[in-house]
Amino acid sequence: MATPPPAHRPPGPRGHGREIHTLDEFDAALARPGALAGLRVQSVDLTDRTFALLSASAAGAVFLGCPMEPEAAAKVRVDGALVFPPVPDLPFDPYRSRLYGPGELFDGITEAGYESTPDALAYAWFGRTRADGDIFSSMLRSLHDDAVSDALDELLAGARVVGVMGGHAMSRGTEAYAGAARLGRSLARSGLTVATGGGPGAMEAANLGAYLAPLPDETLPAALAVLSTAPSFTPSVTEWARAAFAVRARWPHGGDSVGIPTWFYGHEPPNPFAGHIAKYFANALLPQALGSARAGGTPMDGLLARSTAGIVFLPGAAGTVQEIFANATPNYYGSLGAPTPMVLVDRAHWAERLPAWPLLESLAADRPMATRIALVDSIGEAPATLERLAKA
């Protein structure tokens, strides 16, 4: 279809404006021809840049949650810019330009406990607004989640991501938890970016292993001993989180990994071992959560779609079963291209207690995904099996 002449184009910004996330990037943009025209400035405090805003053209620019003086805001609007002002009295920034870090979400945990942290306050806000039917609240949640997806795309661009799925009930101090930590460490040491659902249990263990990957092997048993003093996030999230931050403080130079938790299940706190936390209001793990054009026009835009190097499924319950078949569906139909490897760990669990494996194996029969699935007895077999499936 031919492009309509300018007079008939719909109003509003067009094209893919360059994103500005920091004050340094904003200052650098001022030195370029055209200055601010067409830029997307995201959550940058511009209250000290009034002269620049009054002097430079901002035609077609979009300012998302950028504090600025009233005269500067009025001027850029006259230029033709769109200004989405900061929203007061929110415990989160709906326009944020970066992922969360554990220190940000758990700010105040040492002094006042979990209930005072930004993570707990955001969940409390969600609890008050999720069912009130207020379109403004739902819009803010959508803006926030899309901004988080954008930041996650930027972080993972070109990375080989391996997902680790498993139940939140796996307690610190158990051999299963230690095994999941060794798995995360092994995957990270092989050059993969470990990504989990970002919660407690198996997810925390995998993120812990990735965090300790650059450190000597003997660090893991010592860290596990510290964590075992608070085995679960119940009854006290505060004590559970403080034990994790004690590990981070004792061994401060850990590796990075990704956690993708959700306030949708807000009773499960995010774990502090993922260096980058993409926390959503929606259930970000599953395909239906985030309909977006980013994943090639598909509706799958959560952890499952991003695990390009495959997924390891540790023992879990209903949620993990759901994730297995949410991942199997695009592999079965080939809707996202070649099937990605799927490794299920613990034969007794997945073949007998919760027999997801026989159904998965039946679905895969005579399809390309048949060579990309495997059931193994132990966590220690998972890394080599994942590598073998990737080459199949």
Protein backbone atom coordinates (compact mmCIF):
# COMPACT_ATOMS: atom_id res chain seq x y z
CA MET A 1 0.00 0.00 0.00
CA ALA A 2 1.40 3.38 -0.94
CA THR A 3 2.30 5.82 1.83
CA PRO A 4 -0.39 8.49 2.10
CA PRO A 5 0.62 12.08 1.50
CA PRO A 6 1.55 14.05 4.63
CA ALA A 7 -1.82 15.78 4.84
CA HIS A 8 -3.58 12.42 5.24
CA ARG A 9 -1.24 10.75 7.69
CA PRO A 10 -2.70 10.12 11.13
CA PRO A 11 -1.58 12.56 13.82
CA GLY A 12 1.03 11.65 16.39
CA PRO A 13 4.70 10.62 16.41
CA ARG A 14 5.84 8.30 13.64
CA GLY A 15 8.85 6.10 13.02
CA HIS A 16 11.33 4.73 15.53
CA GLY A 17 12.69 7.65 17.50
CA ARG A 18 16.05 7.21 19.24
CA GLU A 19 15.61 6.42 22.92
CA ILE A 20 17.31 8.53 25.57
CA HIS A 21 17.65 6.87 28.99
CA THR A 22 20.21 9.02 30.84
CA LEU A 23 21.10 12.66 31.31
CA ASP A 24 24.45 12.07 29.59
CA GLU A 25 22.65 10.73 26.52
CA PHE A 26 20.35 13.75 26.58
CA ASP A 27 23.30 16.15 26.71
CA ALA A 28 25.02 14.32 23.84
CA ALA A 29 21.86 14.58 21.75
CA LEU A 30 21.88 18.37 22.13
CA ALA A 31 25.12 18.53 20.13
CA ARG A 32 23.59 16.82 17.09
CA PRO A 33 21.76 18.50 14.20
CA GLY A 34 18.06 18.65 14.90
CA ALA A 35 18.77 18.41 18.63
CA LEU A 36 15.74 16.86 20.34
CA ALA A 37 13.48 16.38 17.32
CA GLY A 38 11.97 12.91 17.25
CA LEU A 39 13.68 11.64 20.40
CA ARG A 40 11.98 9.40 22.97
CA VAL A 41 13.24 10.61 26.35
CA GLN A 42 12.40 8.05 29.02
CA SER A 43 12.31 8.78 32.75
CA VAL A 44 15.13 11.35 32.76
CA ASP A 45 15.04 14.23 35.26
CA LEU A 46 15.23 17.38 33.14
CA THR A 47 14.52 19.97 35.81
CA ASP A 48 18.11 21.31 35.41
CA ARG A 49 17.89 21.41 31.60
CA THR A 50 15.33 24.19 31.23
CA PHE A 51 17.60 26.39 29.07
CA ALA A 52 18.33 23.49 26.72
CA LEU A 53 14.64 22.65 26.39
CA LEU A 54 13.79 26.28 25.69
CA SER A 55 16.57 26.57 23.10
CA ALA A 56 16.35 23.34 21.11
CA SER A 57 13.64 22.13 18.78
CA ALA A 58 11.61 19.24 20.18
CA ALA A 59 9.32 18.65 17.21
CA GLY A 60 8.01 15.09 17.22
CA ALA A 61 9.76 14.21 20.49
CA VAL A 62 8.11 12.20 23.25
CA PHE A 63 8.93 12.77 26.92
CA LEU A 64 7.92 9.85 29.12
CA GLY A 65 7.88 10.61 32.83
CA CYS A 66 10.55 13.30 32.65
CA PRO A 67 10.32 15.94 35.41
CA MET A 68 10.79 19.42 33.92
CA GLU A 69 9.95 23.00 34.78
CA PRO A 70 6.46 24.19 33.69
CA GLU A 71 7.84 26.69 31.16
CA ALA A 72 9.98 23.98 29.56
CA ALA A 73 7.04 21.58 29.37
CA ALA A 74 4.88 24.28 27.78
CA LYS A 75 7.55 25.12 25.22
CA VAL A 76 8.20 21.56 24.03
CA ARG A 77 4.44 21.04 23.69
CA VAL A 78 4.31 24.11 21.44
CA ASP A 79 7.10 22.53 19.38
CA GLY A 80 4.84 19.52 18.82
CA ALA A 81 6.27 17.17 21.44
CA LEU A 82 4.15 14.82 23.52
CA VAL A 83 4.71 15.07 27.26
CA PHE A 84 3.64 12.24 29.56
CA PRO A 85 4.28 13.70 33.01
CA PRO A 86 5.41 11.71 36.04
CA VAL A 87 2.52 10.18 37.99
CA PRO A 88 2.55 11.27 41.65
CA ASP A 89 2.14 8.94 44.62
CA LEU A 90 3.01 5.72 42.79
CA PRO A 91 5.38 3.18 44.37
CA PHE A 92 6.85 2.44 40.91
CA ASP A 93 7.84 4.32 37.76
CA PRO A 94 5.57 3.31 34.85
CA TYR A 95 8.02 4.80 32.35
CA ARG A 96 11.20 3.21 33.71
CA SER A 97 14.02 2.74 31.22
CA ARG A 98 15.90 -0.10 32.91
CA LEU A 99 15.27 -3.36 34.70
CA TYR A 100 15.15 -3.56 38.47
CA GLY A 101 18.09 -4.55 40.61
CA PRO A 102 17.70 -6.44 43.89
CA GLY A 103 18.87 -3.45 45.89
CA GLU A 104 16.14 -1.30 44.38
CA LEU A 105 13.27 -3.71 44.99
CA PHE A 106 14.45 -4.53 48.53
CA ASP A 107 15.46 -1.00 49.52
CA GLY A 108 14.86 -0.61 53.25
CA ILE A 109 14.88 -4.34 54.05
CA THR A 110 17.69 -3.93 56.60
CA GLU A 111 16.22 -1.00 58.48
CA ALA A 112 12.46 -1.52 58.38
CA GLY A 113 11.71 -4.97 56.99
CA TYR A 114 10.11 -6.23 53.81
CA GLU A 115 6.76 -4.46 54.24
CA SER A 116 8.43 -1.08 53.67
CA THR A 117 10.29 -2.04 50.48
CA PRO A 118 9.34 -0.84 46.99
CA ASP A 119 8.54 -4.44 46.06
CA ALA A 120 6.00 -4.82 48.87
CA LEU A 121 4.54 -1.35 48.27
CA ALA A 122 4.05 -2.06 44.55
CA TYR A 123 2.29 -5.32 45.38
CA ALA A 124 0.05 -3.52 47.87
CA TRP A 125 -0.86 -0.95 45.20
CA PHE A 126 -1.59 -3.77 42.76
CA GLY A 127 -3.81 -5.46 45.32
CA ARG A 128 -5.82 -2.27 45.76
CA THR A 129 -6.24 -1.53 42.06
CA ARG A 130 -6.26 -4.81 40.13
CA ALA A 131 -10.01 -5.33 40.48
CA ASP A 132 -11.32 -1.78 40.79
CA GLY A 133 -12.04 -1.38 37.07
CA ASP A 134 -10.13 1.91 36.89
CA ILE A 135 -8.81 2.33 33.37
CA PHE A 136 -6.09 4.67 34.63
CA SER A 137 -4.64 2.00 36.93
CA SER A 138 -4.74 -0.65 34.21
CA MET A 139 -3.07 1.78 31.79
CA LEU A 140 -0.27 2.43 34.29
CA ARG A 141 0.29 -1.30 34.70
CA SER A 142 0.43 -1.75 30.94
CA LEU A 143 2.85 1.14 30.47
CA HIS A 144 5.10 -0.25 33.18
CA ASP A 145 5.10 -3.79 31.79
CA ASP A 146 5.82 -2.62 28.25
CA ALA A 147 8.70 -0.49 29.50
CA VAL A 148 10.10 -3.52 31.34
CA SER A 149 9.80 -5.65 28.18
CA ASP A 150 11.65 -2.99 26.22
CA ALA A 151 14.47 -2.93 28.78
CA LEU A 152 14.61 -6.74 28.80
CA ASP A 153 14.87 -6.84 25.01
CA GLU A 154 17.77 -4.42 25.14
CA LEU A 155 19.56 -6.42 27.84
CA LEU A 156 19.20 -9.81 26.15
CA ALA A 157 19.84 -8.75 22.55
CA GLY A 158 22.22 -11.35 21.11
CA ALA A 159 22.51 -13.35 24.35
CA ARG A 160 22.20 -17.14 24.52
CA VAL A 161 19.54 -17.49 27.18
CA VAL A 162 18.73 -20.70 29.03
CA GLY A 163 15.62 -20.83 31.17
CA VAL A 164 15.45 -22.75 34.43
CA MET A 165 11.94 -23.55 35.63
CA GLY A 166 10.90 -25.16 38.87
CA GLY A 167 8.75 -24.87 41.95
CA HIS A 168 8.91 -22.17 44.60
CA ALA A 169 8.56 -24.73 47.40
CA MET A 170 12.14 -26.04 47.13
CA SER A 171 13.71 -25.06 50.47
CA ARG A 172 17.17 -23.75 51.15
CA GLY A 173 19.26 -26.31 53.01
CA THR A 174 18.06 -29.25 50.90
CA GLU A 175 20.09 -31.29 48.44
CA ALA A 176 17.59 -30.40 45.72
CA TYR A 177 18.29 -26.69 46.28
CA ALA A 178 22.05 -27.28 46.24
CA GLY A 179 21.69 -29.26 43.01
CA ALA A 180 19.71 -26.47 41.35
CA ALA A 181 22.41 -24.01 42.41
CA ARG A 182 25.11 -26.23 40.87
CA LEU A 183 23.03 -26.33 37.69
CA GLY A 184 22.84 -22.54 37.49
CA ARG A 185 26.58 -22.30 38.12
CA SER A 186 27.39 -24.85 35.41
CA LEU A 187 25.14 -23.17 32.83
CA ALA A 188 26.58 -19.73 33.57
CA ARG A 189 30.14 -21.03 33.35
CA SER A 190 29.37 -22.45 29.91
CA GLY A 191 28.66 -18.94 28.65
CA LEU A 192 24.87 -19.01 28.83
CA THR A 193 22.70 -16.32 30.39
CA VAL A 194 20.60 -17.99 33.09
CA ALA A 195 17.01 -16.76 33.29
CA THR A 196 14.39 -17.90 35.77
CA GLY A 197 10.96 -16.90 36.99
CA GLY A 198 12.83 -14.84 39.55
CA GLY A 199 11.08 -16.21 42.62
CA PRO A 200 12.09 -18.41 45.55
CA GLY A 201 12.89 -22.13 45.58
CA ALA A 202 14.36 -23.67 42.45
CA MET A 203 14.38 -20.30 40.73
CA GLU A 204 16.43 -18.67 43.47
CA ALA A 205 18.83 -21.61 43.54
CA ALA A 206 19.56 -21.30 39.81
CA ASN A 207 20.10 -17.54 40.10
CA LEU A 208 22.35 -18.16 43.13
CA GLY A 209 24.46 -20.59 41.12
CA ALA A 210 24.86 -18.08 38.30
CA TYR A 211 25.79 -15.41 40.86
CA LEU A 212 28.53 -17.61 42.31
CA ALA A 213 29.79 -18.84 38.92
CA PRO A 214 32.84 -16.50 38.79
CA LEU A 215 33.89 -17.48 42.33
CA PRO A 216 35.77 -20.58 43.56
CA ASP A 217 33.78 -23.80 43.92
CA GLU A 218 34.07 -23.77 47.71
CA THR A 219 32.05 -20.55 47.83
CA LEU A 220 28.81 -22.42 47.08
CA PRO A 221 28.75 -24.65 50.21
CA ALA A 222 29.61 -21.63 52.37
CA ALA A 223 26.81 -19.57 50.80
CA LEU A 224 24.35 -22.44 51.21
CA ALA A 225 25.18 -22.58 54.91
CA VAL A 226 24.35 -18.88 55.32
CA LEU A 227 21.07 -19.28 53.44
CA SER A 228 20.02 -22.34 55.42
CA THR A 229 19.39 -20.12 58.45
CA ALA A 230 16.22 -18.91 56.66
CA PRO A 231 15.02 -21.93 54.66
CA SER A 232 11.86 -20.36 53.22
CA PHE A 233 10.23 -17.00 52.57
CA THR A 234 7.52 -18.12 54.95
CA PRO A 235 6.92 -17.14 57.67
CA SER A 236 9.26 -14.16 57.22
CA VAL A 237 10.19 -12.63 53.87
CA THR A 238 12.36 -10.19 55.81
CA GLU A 239 14.62 -12.86 57.32
CA TRP A 240 14.68 -14.82 54.04
CA ALA A 241 15.81 -11.74 52.09
CA ARG A 242 18.30 -10.61 54.72
CA ALA A 243 20.06 -13.98 54.52
CA ALA A 244 20.38 -13.54 50.75
CA PHE A 245 21.80 -10.05 51.11
CA ALA A 246 24.25 -11.38 53.69
CA VAL A 247 25.56 -13.72 50.98
CA ARG A 248 25.80 -10.87 48.48
CA ALA A 249 27.65 -8.72 51.03
CA ARG A 250 30.13 -11.47 51.89
CA TRP A 251 30.79 -12.30 48.22
CA PRO A 252 30.06 -9.01 46.42
CA HIS A 253 31.54 -9.73 42.99
CA GLY A 254 29.10 -12.28 41.66
CA GLY A 255 27.92 -12.94 38.14
CA ASP A 256 24.79 -11.74 36.42
CA SER A 257 21.60 -13.56 35.61
CA VAL A 258 18.00 -12.62 34.93
CA GLY A 259 14.82 -13.05 36.97
CA ILE A 260 11.38 -12.48 35.49
CA PRO A 261 8.92 -12.49 38.42
CA THR A 262 5.47 -10.98 38.70
CA TRP A 263 3.35 -9.11 41.21
CA PHE A 264 0.50 -11.23 39.86
CA TYR A 265 1.76 -13.82 42.35
CA GLY A 266 2.83 -11.22 44.87
CA HIS A 267 2.94 -13.60 47.80
CA GLU A 268 6.16 -14.91 46.23
CA PRO A 269 8.92 -12.30 46.60
CA PRO A 270 11.62 -11.94 43.96
CA ASN A 271 14.93 -13.51 44.86
CA PRO A 272 17.93 -11.19 45.37
CA PHE A 273 20.44 -13.21 43.33
CA ALA A 274 19.28 -12.19 39.85
CA GLY A 275 21.29 -9.13 38.90
CA HIS A 276 18.59 -7.99 36.47
CA ILE A 277 14.96 -8.32 37.51
CA ALA A 278 12.19 -7.82 34.95
CA LYS A 279 9.25 -7.64 37.32
CA TYR A 280 5.80 -7.38 35.77
CA PHE A 281 2.26 -6.85 36.96
CA ALA A 282 1.12 -9.42 34.39
CA ASN A 283 2.09 -13.07 34.58
CA ALA A 284 5.16 -12.58 32.44
CA LEU A 285 6.14 -16.24 32.11
CA LEU A 286 3.34 -17.34 29.86
CA PRO A 287 2.57 -16.58 26.22
CA GLN A 288 -0.74 -14.85 26.79
CA ALA A 289 0.69 -12.43 29.31
CA LEU A 290 2.29 -9.89 27.04
CA GLY A 291 1.03 -9.53 23.52
CA SER A 292 3.81 -7.72 21.70
CA ALA A 293 5.25 -7.31 18.26
CA ARG A 294 8.78 -7.61 19.64
CA ALA A 295 8.95 -11.37 19.26
CA GLY A 296 8.43 -11.27 15.52
CA GLY A 297 4.73 -10.52 15.75
CA THR A 298 3.93 -13.48 18.00
CA PRO A 299 2.06 -13.14 21.28
CA MET A 300 4.80 -14.97 23.17
CA ASP A 301 6.88 -12.36 24.92
CA GLY A 302 7.80 -13.78 28.31
CA LEU A 303 10.54 -15.95 29.74
CA LEU A 304 9.61 -18.95 27.60
CA ALA A 305 10.07 -17.08 24.33
CA ARG A 306 13.34 -15.56 25.44
CA SER A 307 14.99 -18.87 26.36
CA THR A 308 16.64 -19.26 22.98
CA ALA A 309 19.18 -21.85 24.21
CA GLY A 310 16.51 -24.05 25.75
CA ILE A 311 14.83 -24.66 29.09
CA VAL A 312 15.55 -26.99 31.99
CA PHE A 313 12.44 -27.98 33.96
CA LEU A 314 13.14 -28.97 37.54
CA PRO A 315 10.50 -30.70 39.66
CA GLY A 316 7.50 -28.48 40.31
CA ALA A 317 3.73 -28.54 40.56
CA ALA A 318 0.89 -27.03 38.52
CA GLY A 319 2.78 -23.90 37.51
CA THR A 320 5.75 -25.85 36.15
CA VAL A 321 3.44 -28.27 34.31
CA GLN A 322 1.76 -25.27 32.70
CA GLU A 323 5.14 -23.89 31.66
CA ILE A 324 6.20 -27.21 30.10
CA PHE A 325 3.23 -27.25 27.76
CA ALA A 326 3.28 -23.51 27.13
CA ASN A 327 6.81 -24.10 25.84
CA ALA A 328 5.84 -27.28 23.99
CA THR A 329 3.09 -25.57 22.00
CA PRO A 330 5.30 -23.36 19.76
CA ASN A 331 7.80 -26.21 19.52
CA TYR A 332 5.01 -28.50 18.30
CA TYR A 333 3.67 -26.08 15.71
CA GLY A 334 7.01 -24.50 14.81
CA SER A 335 5.45 -21.08 15.27
CA LEU A 336 8.69 -19.56 16.59
CA GLY A 337 11.00 -21.36 14.18
CA ALA A 338 13.11 -24.37 15.06
CA PRO A 339 12.14 -26.04 18.34
CA THR A 340 14.23 -25.14 21.36
CA PRO A 341 15.64 -27.83 23.68
CA MET A 342 13.57 -28.97 26.64
CA VAL A 343 15.18 -30.99 29.44
CA LEU A 344 12.96 -32.41 32.20
CA VAL A 345 14.84 -33.37 35.36
CA ASP A 346 13.79 -36.23 37.71
CA ARG A 347 12.34 -39.25 35.95
CA ALA A 348 10.20 -40.32 38.91
CA HIS A 349 8.63 -36.88 39.18
CA TRP A 350 7.84 -36.24 35.50
CA ALA A 351 7.08 -39.83 34.44
CA GLU A 352 5.19 -41.03 37.51
CA ARG A 353 4.14 -38.45 40.11
CA LEU A 354 3.15 -35.79 37.55
CA PRO A 355 3.42 -37.67 34.23
CA ALA A 356 4.02 -34.75 31.93
CA TRP A 357 6.80 -36.63 30.12
CA PRO A 358 4.67 -39.35 28.46
CA LEU A 359 2.32 -36.71 27.05
CA LEU A 360 5.22 -34.53 25.89
CA GLU A 361 6.87 -37.52 24.26
CA SER A 362 3.60 -38.44 22.49
CA LEU A 363 3.16 -34.89 21.20
CA ALA A 364 6.72 -34.85 19.88
CA ALA A 365 6.47 -38.12 17.99
CA ASP A 366 7.26 -37.74 14.26
CA ARG A 367 7.88 -34.01 14.64
CA PRO A 368 11.11 -31.99 14.60
CA MET A 369 10.78 -31.35 18.33
CA ALA A 370 11.28 -35.08 19.03
CA THR A 371 15.05 -34.62 18.86
CA ARG A 372 14.91 -31.57 21.15
CA ILE A 373 13.33 -33.09 24.27
CA ALA A 374 14.87 -35.27 26.96
CA LEU A 375 14.12 -36.69 30.39
CA VAL A 376 17.05 -37.17 32.76
CA ASP A 377 17.36 -38.64 36.22
CA SER A 378 19.52 -36.01 37.88
CA ILE A 379 20.35 -32.31 37.73
CA GLY A 380 23.97 -33.14 37.00
CA GLU A 381 22.99 -34.59 33.62
CA ALA A 382 21.09 -31.50 32.48
CA PRO A 383 23.90 -29.26 31.12
CA ALA A 384 25.42 -31.92 28.84
CA THR A 385 21.95 -33.03 27.73
CA LEU A 386 21.00 -29.46 26.88
CA GLU A 387 24.15 -29.09 24.80
CA ARG A 388 23.47 -32.38 23.00
CA LEU A 389 19.90 -31.39 22.15
CA ALA A 390 21.04 -28.01 20.84
CA LYS A 391 23.19 -29.83 18.26
CA ALA A 392 20.48 -32.31 17.24
